[in-house]
């Protein structure tokens, strides 16, 4: 794999041959939690938008279930 040891913020860390810092397991887990939260928020926003659009259709006398 060709990883290198180095010091980053006073801690021994792994780097790729290109010099990119590899995340620790804790950093990877935090990143994954953040991505899941963003996905949850996007899903919630889409659901709210769909509900608003369905309500608008009902106001116009259109049943969204029959589309």
Protein backbone atom coordinates (compact mmCIF):
# COMPACT_ATOMS: atom_id res chain seq x y z
CA UNK A 1 0.00 0.00 0.00
CA UNK A 2 2.99 2.30 0.54
CA UNK A 3 1.83 4.31 3.54
CA UNK A 4 4.14 6.66 5.39
CA UNK A 5 4.30 7.59 9.05
CA UNK A 6 4.44 11.24 9.93
CA UNK A 7 3.48 13.73 12.61
CA UNK A 8 0.33 15.81 12.28
CA UNK A 9 -0.90 18.03 15.11
CA UNK A 10 1.62 16.41 17.48
CA UNK A 11 0.30 12.91 16.72
CA UNK A 12 1.82 10.07 14.76
CA UNK A 13 -0.36 9.61 11.68
CA UNK A 14 -0.43 7.67 8.41
CA UNK A 15 -0.04 9.42 5.07
CA UNK A 16 -0.42 8.20 1.50
CA UNK A 17 2.57 8.35 -0.85
CA UNK A 18 0.99 11.52 -2.30
CA UNK A 19 1.09 13.15 1.15
CA UNK A 20 -2.62 12.88 1.97
CA UNK A 21 -3.46 12.35 5.61
CA UNK A 22 -5.40 9.15 6.27
CA UNK A 23 -8.32 9.62 8.68
CA UNK A 24 -8.31 7.83 12.01
CA UNK A 25 -11.16 5.38 12.68
CA UNK A 26 -12.77 8.05 14.85
CA UNK A 27 -12.52 10.64 12.07
CA UNK A 28 -13.95 8.17 9.56
CA UNK A 29 -16.87 7.39 11.87
CA UNK A 30 -17.57 11.09 12.42
CA UNK A 31 -17.48 11.68 8.67
CA UNK A 32 -19.92 8.81 8.13
CA UNK A 33 -22.29 10.21 10.79
CA UNK A 34 -22.15 13.62 9.13
CA UNK A 35 -22.95 12.14 5.70
CA UNK A 36 -25.89 10.16 7.13
CA UNK A 37 -27.24 13.30 8.80
CA UNK A 38 -26.99 15.23 5.53
CA UNK A 39 -28.80 12.41 3.70
CA UNK A 40 -31.52 12.40 6.38
CA UNK A 41 -31.97 16.17 6.04
CA UNK A 42 -32.19 15.97 2.25
CA UNK A 43 -34.76 13.19 2.48
CA UNK A 44 -36.80 15.22 4.97
CA UNK A 45 -36.66 18.30 2.72
CA UNK A 46 -37.80 16.25 -0.28
CA UNK A 47 -40.69 14.80 1.73
CA UNK A 48 -41.75 18.26 2.88
CA UNK A 49 -41.62 19.56 -0.69
CA UNK A 50 -43.70 16.62 -1.91
CA UNK A 51 -46.27 17.30 0.81
CA UNK A 52 -46.45 20.99 -0.16
CA UNK A 53 -46.88 20.11 -3.83
CA UNK A 54 -49.58 17.56 -3.02
CA UNK A 55 -51.42 20.15 -0.93
CA UNK A 56 -51.20 22.65 -3.79
CA UNK A 57 -52.68 20.07 -6.17
CA UNK A 58 -55.53 19.41 -3.75
CA UNK A 59 -56.18 23.18 -3.59
CA UNK A 60 -56.51 23.10 -7.38
CA UNK A 61 -59.00 20.24 -7.13
CA UNK A 62 -56.56 17.55 -8.27
CA UNK A 63 -56.17 14.36 -6.28
CA UNK A 64 -52.41 13.61 -6.23
CA UNK A 65 -53.14 9.93 -5.56
CA UNK A 66 -54.75 9.66 -9.01
CA UNK A 67 -51.78 11.00 -10.95
